[in-house]
Amino acid sequence: MKKFTSGGFSLPEMMIVVLITSVLASGGMQGWQRWQQQWHLQDSASQLRHFLLQLRDAAGWYNADAIIHVQAGAGWCLQSVRRHDFSSELRLCAPWRDVHLQAVSAGVGFYGRRDVARPGSFTLHNAAGALRVVVASRGRIRICPLNDGRCSG
């Protein structure tokens, strides 16, 4: 009589496979969380830049001054302060909870009559790092790493 044996794996072999899989999964999870934090920071900086571009364009279009009011706190917000009659106020609130507005230059704004801006910067940070959104005197708006010497403002 023939004996049939199963060609399966033993318990120690299965435990080793589960251990290796869990180590790889935990490393992948940490990498994914780090990537997500970097993406949140970059997305927040991009949205802030877009908000500033809209504000600059509105100031130029209406030939009016546009000053930025900062509401600090856990859920930070930026809002345009009307010097003249804009058709609608522009507002940006924190798009992600883990991204904080660390520093803002005082009096940053756009002046439509002269098509210039008061230079300054906004610093955003989270666990992944920090980015600055810099406004130059001629209205150029760019995103820079925090310690980039080429990006002063």
N, C-alpha and C. Protein backbone atom coordinates (compact mmCIF):
# COMPACT_ATOMS: atom_id res chain seq x y z
N MET A 1 0.83 -1.18 0.00
CA MET A 1 0.00 0.00 0.00
C MET A 1 0.87 1.24 0.00
N LYS A 2 0.50 2.22 -0.81
CA LYS A 2 1.27 3.45 -0.92
C LYS A 2 0.79 4.45 0.11
N LYS A 3 1.76 5.19 0.69
CA LYS A 3 1.42 6.29 1.60
C LYS A 3 1.52 7.59 0.84
N PHE A 4 0.49 8.41 0.96
CA PHE A 4 0.51 9.74 0.34
C PHE A 4 0.87 10.75 1.41
N THR A 5 1.91 11.53 1.14
CA THR A 5 2.28 12.59 2.08
C THR A 5 2.02 13.94 1.42
N SER A 6 1.62 14.82 2.22
CA SER A 6 1.35 16.16 1.75
C SER A 6 2.67 16.87 1.51
N GLY A 7 2.74 17.65 0.48
CA GLY A 7 3.96 18.40 0.16
C GLY A 7 3.90 19.80 0.73
N GLY A 8 3.20 20.00 1.81
CA GLY A 8 3.02 21.32 2.40
C GLY A 8 4.23 21.80 3.18
N PHE A 9 4.04 22.92 3.84
CA PHE A 9 5.11 23.54 4.62
C PHE A 9 4.94 23.20 6.09
N SER A 10 6.04 23.17 6.78
CA SER A 10 5.99 22.91 8.22
C SER A 10 5.69 24.22 8.95
N LEU A 11 5.35 24.10 10.21
CA LEU A 11 5.01 25.27 11.02
C LEU A 11 6.18 26.24 11.14
N PRO A 12 7.40 25.81 11.41
CA PRO A 12 8.52 26.77 11.46
C PRO A 12 8.74 27.51 10.14
N GLU A 13 8.57 26.81 9.02
CA GLU A 13 8.73 27.47 7.72
C GLU A 13 7.66 28.55 7.53
N MET A 14 6.45 28.27 7.91
CA MET A 14 5.37 29.26 7.78
C MET A 14 5.61 30.46 8.69
N MET A 15 6.13 30.20 9.91
CA MET A 15 6.41 31.30 10.84
C MET A 15 7.50 32.21 10.29
N ILE A 16 8.51 31.64 9.63
CA ILE A 16 9.57 32.46 9.04
C ILE A 16 9.01 33.31 7.89
N VAL A 17 8.17 32.73 7.08
CA VAL A 17 7.56 33.48 5.98
C VAL A 17 6.71 34.63 6.52
N VAL A 18 5.92 34.40 7.56
CA VAL A 18 5.09 35.44 8.15
C VAL A 18 5.96 36.53 8.75
N LEU A 19 7.06 36.16 9.40
CA LEU A 19 7.98 37.13 9.98
C LEU A 19 8.60 38.02 8.91
N ILE A 20 9.08 37.43 7.84
CA ILE A 20 9.68 38.20 6.75
C ILE A 20 8.64 39.14 6.12
N THR A 21 7.46 38.64 5.90
CA THR A 21 6.39 39.45 5.31
C THR A 21 6.03 40.63 6.20
N SER A 22 5.95 40.42 7.50
CA SER A 22 5.58 41.51 8.41
C SER A 22 6.69 42.56 8.49
N VAL A 23 7.94 42.15 8.45
CA VAL A 23 9.05 43.12 8.46
C VAL A 23 9.02 43.97 7.20
N LEU A 24 8.82 43.34 6.06
CA LEU A 24 8.74 44.09 4.81
C LEU A 24 7.52 45.02 4.78
N ALA A 25 6.41 44.56 5.29
CA ALA A 25 5.20 45.39 5.30
C ALA A 25 5.35 46.59 6.22
N SER A 26 5.99 46.41 7.38
CA SER A 26 6.17 47.55 8.29
C SER A 26 7.10 48.59 7.69
N GLY A 27 8.15 48.15 7.01
CA GLY A 27 9.04 49.09 6.32
C GLY A 27 8.33 49.82 5.19
N GLY A 28 7.52 49.11 4.47
CA GLY A 28 6.74 49.73 3.39
C GLY A 28 5.72 50.72 3.92
N MET A 29 5.13 50.42 5.06
CA MET A 29 4.14 51.31 5.66
C MET A 29 4.79 52.61 6.12
N GLN A 30 5.97 52.51 6.73
CA GLN A 30 6.68 53.72 7.16
C GLN A 30 7.08 54.57 5.96
N GLY A 31 7.55 53.94 4.90
CA GLY A 31 7.90 54.67 3.68
C GLY A 31 6.69 55.34 3.06
N TRP A 32 5.57 54.64 3.05
CA TRP A 32 4.34 55.22 2.50
C TRP A 32 3.89 56.41 3.34
N GLN A 33 3.94 56.33 4.67
CA GLN A 33 3.54 57.45 5.52
C GLN A 33 4.47 58.65 5.30
N ARG A 34 5.75 58.42 5.16
CA ARG A 34 6.71 59.50 4.90
C ARG A 34 6.39 60.16 3.56
N TRP A 35 6.12 59.35 2.54
CA TRP A 35 5.76 59.90 1.23
C TRP A 35 4.48 60.72 1.32
N GLN A 36 3.51 60.24 2.09
CA GLN A 36 2.25 60.95 2.23
C GLN A 36 2.47 62.31 2.92
N GLN A 37 3.32 62.36 3.94
CA GLN A 37 3.62 63.62 4.61
C GLN A 37 4.31 64.59 3.66
N GLN A 38 5.24 64.10 2.85
CA GLN A 38 5.90 64.96 1.86
C GLN A 38 4.89 65.49 0.84
N TRP A 39 3.98 64.63 0.42
CA TRP A 39 2.97 65.05 -0.54
C TRP A 39 2.04 66.09 0.07
N HIS A 40 1.63 65.93 1.32
CA HIS A 40 0.78 66.92 1.99
C HIS A 40 1.47 68.27 2.06
N LEU A 41 2.76 68.28 2.39
CA LEU A 41 3.51 69.53 2.46
C LEU A 41 3.60 70.19 1.09
N GLN A 42 3.92 69.43 0.07
CA GLN A 42 4.03 69.99 -1.29
C GLN A 42 2.68 70.47 -1.80
N ASP A 43 1.63 69.72 -1.52
CA ASP A 43 0.29 70.11 -1.95
C ASP A 43 -0.16 71.39 -1.24
N SER A 44 0.12 71.52 0.04
CA SER A 44 -0.24 72.74 0.77
C SER A 44 0.51 73.94 0.22
N ALA A 45 1.79 73.78 -0.07
CA ALA A 45 2.58 74.87 -0.64
C ALA A 45 2.04 75.25 -2.03
N SER A 46 1.66 74.27 -2.82
CA SER A 46 1.10 74.55 -4.15
C SER A 46 -0.24 75.30 -4.04
N GLN A 47 -1.08 74.89 -3.10
CA GLN A 47 -2.36 75.58 -2.92
C GLN A 47 -2.15 77.01 -2.42
N LEU A 48 -1.17 77.21 -1.54
CA LEU A 48 -0.86 78.55 -1.06
C LEU A 48 -0.35 79.41 -2.21
N ARG A 49 0.51 78.86 -3.04
CA ARG A 49 1.02 79.60 -4.20
C ARG A 49 -0.12 79.96 -5.15
N HIS A 50 -1.03 79.03 -5.39
CA HIS A 50 -2.18 79.30 -6.25
C HIS A 50 -3.07 80.40 -5.66
N PHE A 51 -3.29 80.38 -4.35
CA PHE A 51 -4.06 81.42 -3.67
C PHE A 51 -3.41 82.79 -3.87
N LEU A 52 -2.08 82.84 -3.70
CA LEU A 52 -1.36 84.11 -3.86
C LEU A 52 -1.40 84.59 -5.31
N LEU A 53 -1.33 83.67 -6.26
CA LEU A 53 -1.44 84.06 -7.67
C LEU A 53 -2.82 84.62 -7.98
N GLN A 54 -3.87 84.00 -7.43
CA GLN A 54 -5.22 84.53 -7.63
C GLN A 54 -5.35 85.92 -7.03
N LEU A 55 -4.80 86.11 -5.85
CA LEU A 55 -4.86 87.40 -5.19
C LEU A 55 -4.09 88.46 -5.98
N ARG A 56 -2.93 88.09 -6.47
CA ARG A 56 -2.14 89.02 -7.29
C ARG A 56 -2.89 89.41 -8.56
N ASP A 57 -3.49 88.43 -9.22
CA ASP A 57 -4.24 88.70 -10.44
C ASP A 57 -5.46 89.57 -10.17
N ALA A 58 -6.15 89.31 -9.06
CA ALA A 58 -7.32 90.12 -8.71
C ALA A 58 -6.92 91.56 -8.41
N ALA A 59 -5.81 91.75 -7.72
CA ALA A 59 -5.34 93.10 -7.42
C ALA A 59 -4.99 93.85 -8.70
N GLY A 60 -4.36 93.16 -9.63
CA GLY A 60 -4.03 93.79 -10.90
C GLY A 60 -5.27 94.08 -11.75
N TRP A 61 -6.20 93.13 -11.76
CA TRP A 61 -7.41 93.29 -12.58
C TRP A 61 -8.27 94.44 -12.09
N TYR A 62 -8.46 94.53 -10.77
CA TYR A 62 -9.31 95.58 -10.20
C TYR A 62 -8.52 96.85 -9.88
N ASN A 63 -7.22 96.84 -10.18
CA ASN A 63 -6.37 98.00 -9.92
C ASN A 63 -6.51 98.45 -8.47
N ALA A 64 -6.38 97.49 -7.56
CA ALA A 64 -6.62 97.75 -6.13
C ALA A 64 -5.56 97.06 -5.30
N ASP A 65 -5.51 97.44 -4.04
CA ASP A 65 -4.58 96.82 -3.09
C ASP A 65 -5.22 95.58 -2.48
N ALA A 66 -4.41 94.55 -2.26
CA ALA A 66 -4.89 93.33 -1.63
C ALA A 66 -3.89 92.92 -0.56
N ILE A 67 -4.31 93.02 0.68
CA ILE A 67 -3.47 92.66 1.82
C ILE A 67 -3.95 91.31 2.35
N ILE A 68 -3.03 90.53 2.91
CA ILE A 68 -3.36 89.19 3.39
C ILE A 68 -3.48 89.22 4.91
N HIS A 69 -4.61 88.74 5.39
CA HIS A 69 -4.83 88.61 6.84
C HIS A 69 -4.61 87.15 7.21
N VAL A 70 -3.81 86.92 8.24
CA VAL A 70 -3.47 85.56 8.67
C VAL A 70 -4.23 85.23 9.94
N GLN A 71 -4.93 84.12 9.93
CA GLN A 71 -5.61 83.61 11.12
C GLN A 71 -4.82 82.37 11.55
N ALA A 72 -4.03 82.55 12.59
CA ALA A 72 -3.15 81.47 13.04
C ALA A 72 -3.91 80.49 13.91
N GLY A 73 -3.27 79.40 14.22
CA GLY A 73 -3.88 78.39 15.08
C GLY A 73 -3.73 77.02 14.46
N ALA A 74 -4.45 76.07 15.03
CA ALA A 74 -4.36 74.69 14.56
C ALA A 74 -4.82 74.58 13.11
N GLY A 75 -5.94 75.19 12.79
CA GLY A 75 -6.44 75.22 11.42
C GLY A 75 -6.24 76.61 10.86
N TRP A 76 -5.05 76.90 10.37
CA TRP A 76 -4.73 78.25 9.90
C TRP A 76 -5.53 78.61 8.65
N CYS A 77 -5.75 79.90 8.48
CA CYS A 77 -6.44 80.43 7.31
C CYS A 77 -5.77 81.72 6.85
N LEU A 78 -5.82 81.96 5.56
CA LEU A 78 -5.38 83.21 4.98
C LEU A 78 -6.57 83.80 4.24
N GLN A 79 -6.73 85.10 4.37
CA GLN A 79 -7.88 85.75 3.74
C GLN A 79 -7.44 87.10 3.18
N SER A 80 -7.98 87.45 2.03
CA SER A 80 -7.67 88.75 1.46
C SER A 80 -8.48 89.82 2.18
N VAL A 81 -7.81 90.93 2.48
CA VAL A 81 -8.47 92.07 3.08
C VAL A 81 -8.70 93.07 1.97
N ARG A 82 -9.94 93.43 1.77
CA ARG A 82 -10.28 94.32 0.67
C ARG A 82 -9.91 95.76 0.98
N ARG A 83 -9.17 96.35 0.09
CA ARG A 83 -8.93 97.78 0.17
C ARG A 83 -9.93 98.50 -0.74
N HIS A 84 -10.34 97.80 -1.77
CA HIS A 84 -11.37 98.30 -2.69
C HIS A 84 -12.34 97.17 -2.93
N ASP A 85 -13.26 97.36 -3.81
CA ASP A 85 -14.33 96.39 -3.98
C ASP A 85 -13.90 95.26 -4.92
N PHE A 86 -13.47 94.15 -4.38
CA PHE A 86 -13.28 92.94 -5.19
C PHE A 86 -14.64 92.27 -5.31
N SER A 87 -14.83 91.52 -6.37
CA SER A 87 -16.12 90.86 -6.54
C SER A 87 -16.33 89.78 -5.49
N SER A 88 -15.28 89.14 -5.05
CA SER A 88 -15.42 88.14 -4.00
C SER A 88 -14.11 88.08 -3.21
N GLU A 89 -14.22 87.78 -1.95
CA GLU A 89 -13.02 87.64 -1.13
C GLU A 89 -12.40 86.28 -1.38
N LEU A 90 -11.10 86.26 -1.33
CA LEU A 90 -10.39 85.00 -1.50
C LEU A 90 -9.96 84.50 -0.13
N ARG A 91 -10.02 83.19 0.05
CA ARG A 91 -9.71 82.60 1.35
C ARG A 91 -9.09 81.22 1.14
N LEU A 92 -8.08 80.92 1.95
CA LEU A 92 -7.44 79.60 1.93
C LEU A 92 -7.29 79.13 3.36
N CYS A 93 -7.84 77.98 3.65
CA CYS A 93 -7.68 77.36 4.97
C CYS A 93 -6.79 76.13 4.82
N ALA A 94 -6.20 75.70 5.92
CA ALA A 94 -5.25 74.58 5.90
C ALA A 94 -5.86 73.37 5.20
N PRO A 95 -5.25 72.94 4.09
CA PRO A 95 -5.80 71.79 3.37
C PRO A 95 -5.54 70.45 4.06
N TRP A 96 -4.48 70.37 4.88
CA TRP A 96 -4.13 69.14 5.59
C TRP A 96 -3.85 69.46 7.03
N ARG A 97 -4.32 68.61 7.94
CA ARG A 97 -4.16 68.87 9.37
C ARG A 97 -2.71 68.79 9.84
N ASP A 98 -1.90 67.99 9.17
CA ASP A 98 -0.52 67.82 9.64
C ASP A 98 0.42 68.91 9.15
N VAL A 99 -0.04 69.82 8.29
CA VAL A 99 0.79 70.91 7.79
C VAL A 99 0.44 72.18 8.55
N HIS A 100 1.46 72.82 9.12
CA HIS A 100 1.26 74.01 9.94
C HIS A 100 1.93 75.21 9.29
N LEU A 101 1.31 76.37 9.49
CA LEU A 101 1.89 77.63 9.02
C LEU A 101 2.81 78.13 10.12
N GLN A 102 4.11 78.02 9.90
CA GLN A 102 5.08 78.30 10.95
C GLN A 102 5.41 79.78 11.05
N ALA A 103 5.63 80.45 9.93
CA ALA A 103 6.01 81.86 9.96
C ALA A 103 5.45 82.59 8.75
N VAL A 104 5.10 83.85 8.97
CA VAL A 104 4.58 84.70 7.91
C VAL A 104 5.22 86.07 8.06
N SER A 105 5.69 86.61 6.95
CA SER A 105 6.20 87.99 6.97
C SER A 105 5.02 88.95 7.12
N ALA A 106 5.21 89.97 7.90
CA ALA A 106 4.13 90.93 8.16
C ALA A 106 3.86 91.80 6.94
N GLY A 107 2.59 92.04 6.67
CA GLY A 107 2.18 92.98 5.64
C GLY A 107 2.34 92.53 4.21
N VAL A 108 2.45 91.23 3.96
CA VAL A 108 2.58 90.76 2.58
C VAL A 108 1.29 91.08 1.84
N GLY A 109 1.43 91.64 0.66
CA GLY A 109 0.25 91.98 -0.11
C GLY A 109 0.62 92.38 -1.52
N PHE A 110 -0.39 92.68 -2.30
CA PHE A 110 -0.21 93.06 -3.70
C PHE A 110 -0.88 94.41 -3.93
N TYR A 111 -0.24 95.22 -4.76
CA TYR A 111 -0.73 96.57 -4.99
C TYR A 111 -0.95 96.73 -6.49
N GLY A 112 -2.21 96.70 -6.88
CA GLY A 112 -2.58 96.68 -8.28
C GLY A 112 -2.24 97.93 -9.04
N ARG A 113 -2.33 99.09 -8.40
CA ARG A 113 -2.06 100.34 -9.11
C ARG A 113 -0.63 100.40 -9.63
N ARG A 114 0.27 99.85 -8.89
CA ARG A 114 1.67 99.88 -9.28
C ARG A 114 2.16 98.52 -9.77
N ASP A 115 1.29 97.55 -9.73
CA ASP A 115 1.61 96.19 -10.15
C ASP A 115 2.86 95.66 -9.45
N VAL A 116 2.91 95.88 -8.13
CA VAL A 116 4.02 95.39 -7.33
C VAL A 116 3.48 94.66 -6.11
N ALA A 117 4.39 94.05 -5.37
CA ALA A 117 4.01 93.34 -4.15
C ALA A 117 4.95 93.74 -3.03
N ARG A 118 4.47 93.62 -1.81
CA ARG A 118 5.36 93.78 -0.67
C ARG A 118 6.01 92.42 -0.45
N PRO A 119 7.33 92.33 -0.55
CA PRO A 119 7.98 91.02 -0.46
C PRO A 119 7.85 90.40 0.92
N GLY A 120 7.86 89.10 0.92
CA GLY A 120 7.78 88.35 2.16
C GLY A 120 7.71 86.87 1.88
N SER A 121 7.48 86.10 2.93
CA SER A 121 7.43 84.65 2.75
C SER A 121 6.49 84.02 3.76
N PHE A 122 6.05 82.83 3.42
CA PHE A 122 5.21 81.98 4.26
C PHE A 122 5.97 80.67 4.44
N THR A 123 6.11 80.20 5.67
CA THR A 123 6.82 78.95 5.93
C THR A 123 5.83 77.89 6.40
N LEU A 124 5.77 76.80 5.67
CA LEU A 124 4.92 75.66 6.00
C LEU A 124 5.81 74.52 6.47
N HIS A 125 5.36 73.78 7.48
CA HIS A 125 6.16 72.64 7.93
C HIS A 125 5.26 71.53 8.45
N ASN A 126 5.82 70.32 8.40
CA ASN A 126 5.22 69.14 9.03
C ASN A 126 6.36 68.17 9.32
N ALA A 127 6.05 66.93 9.63
CA ALA A 127 7.08 65.95 10.00
C ALA A 127 8.05 65.66 8.85
N ALA A 128 7.65 65.91 7.62
CA ALA A 128 8.51 65.63 6.47
C ALA A 128 9.52 66.74 6.20
N GLY A 129 9.32 67.91 6.76
CA GLY A 129 10.25 69.01 6.51
C GLY A 129 9.53 70.35 6.48
N ALA A 130 10.12 71.29 5.75
CA ALA A 130 9.55 72.63 5.67
C ALA A 130 9.77 73.20 4.28
N LEU A 131 8.82 74.02 3.83
CA LEU A 131 8.91 74.72 2.55
C LEU A 131 8.54 76.18 2.77
N ARG A 132 9.15 77.04 1.96
CA ARG A 132 8.80 78.46 1.99
C ARG A 132 8.14 78.83 0.69
N VAL A 133 7.09 79.64 0.77
CA VAL A 133 6.48 80.25 -0.40
C VAL A 133 6.89 81.71 -0.35
N VAL A 134 7.69 82.13 -1.33
CA VAL A 134 8.30 83.45 -1.32
C VAL A 134 7.61 84.35 -2.33
N VAL A 135 7.30 85.58 -1.89
CA VAL A 135 6.72 86.60 -2.76
C VAL A 135 7.79 87.67 -2.97
N ALA A 136 8.16 87.92 -4.22
CA ALA A 136 9.15 88.93 -4.55
C ALA A 136 8.46 90.27 -4.79
N SER A 137 9.25 91.34 -4.85
CA SER A 137 8.68 92.69 -4.96
C SER A 137 7.94 92.93 -6.27
N ARG A 138 8.28 92.22 -7.33
CA ARG A 138 7.57 92.37 -8.60
C ARG A 138 6.43 91.36 -8.76
N GLY A 139 6.09 90.66 -7.69
CA GLY A 139 4.96 89.76 -7.72
C GLY A 139 5.28 88.32 -8.08
N ARG A 140 6.54 87.98 -8.25
CA ARG A 140 6.90 86.60 -8.54
C ARG A 140 6.70 85.76 -7.28
N ILE A 141 6.05 84.60 -7.44
CA ILE A 141 5.75 83.73 -6.30
C ILE A 141 6.35 82.36 -6.60
N ARG A 142 7.17 81.87 -5.66
CA ARG A 142 7.82 80.59 -5.89
C ARG A 142 7.90 79.78 -4.60
N ILE A 143 8.07 78.47 -4.76
CA ILE A 143 8.17 77.55 -3.63
C ILE A 143 9.63 77.11 -3.54
N CYS A 144 10.19 77.21 -2.32
CA CYS A 144 11.60 76.88 -2.12
C CYS A 144 11.76 76.03 -0.87
N PRO A 145 12.81 75.19 -0.83
CA PRO A 145 13.15 74.53 0.43
C PRO A 145 13.56 75.58 1.47
N LEU A 146 13.42 75.27 2.72
CA LEU A 146 13.63 76.25 3.78
C LEU A 146 15.05 76.81 3.79
N ASN A 147 16.07 76.00 3.58
CA ASN A 147 17.45 76.46 3.69
C ASN A 147 18.10 76.74 2.33
N ASP A 148 17.32 77.07 1.34
CA ASP A 148 17.86 77.36 0.01
C ASP A 148 18.31 78.81 -0.04
N GLY A 149 19.62 79.04 -0.15
CA GLY A 149 20.17 80.38 -0.17
C GLY A 149 19.81 81.16 -1.43
N ARG A 150 19.50 80.48 -2.52
CA ARG A 150 19.14 81.15 -3.77
C ARG A 150 17.74 81.74 -3.71
N CYS A 151 16.97 81.36 -2.73
CA CYS A 151 15.56 81.74 -2.66
C CYS A 151 15.36 82.64 -1.45
N SER A 152 15.76 83.89 -1.55
CA SER A 152 15.62 84.80 -0.42
C SER A 152 14.36 85.63 -0.58
N GLY A 153 13.83 86.06 0.54
CA GLY A 153 12.62 86.86 0.44
C GLY A 153 12.10 87.30 1.74
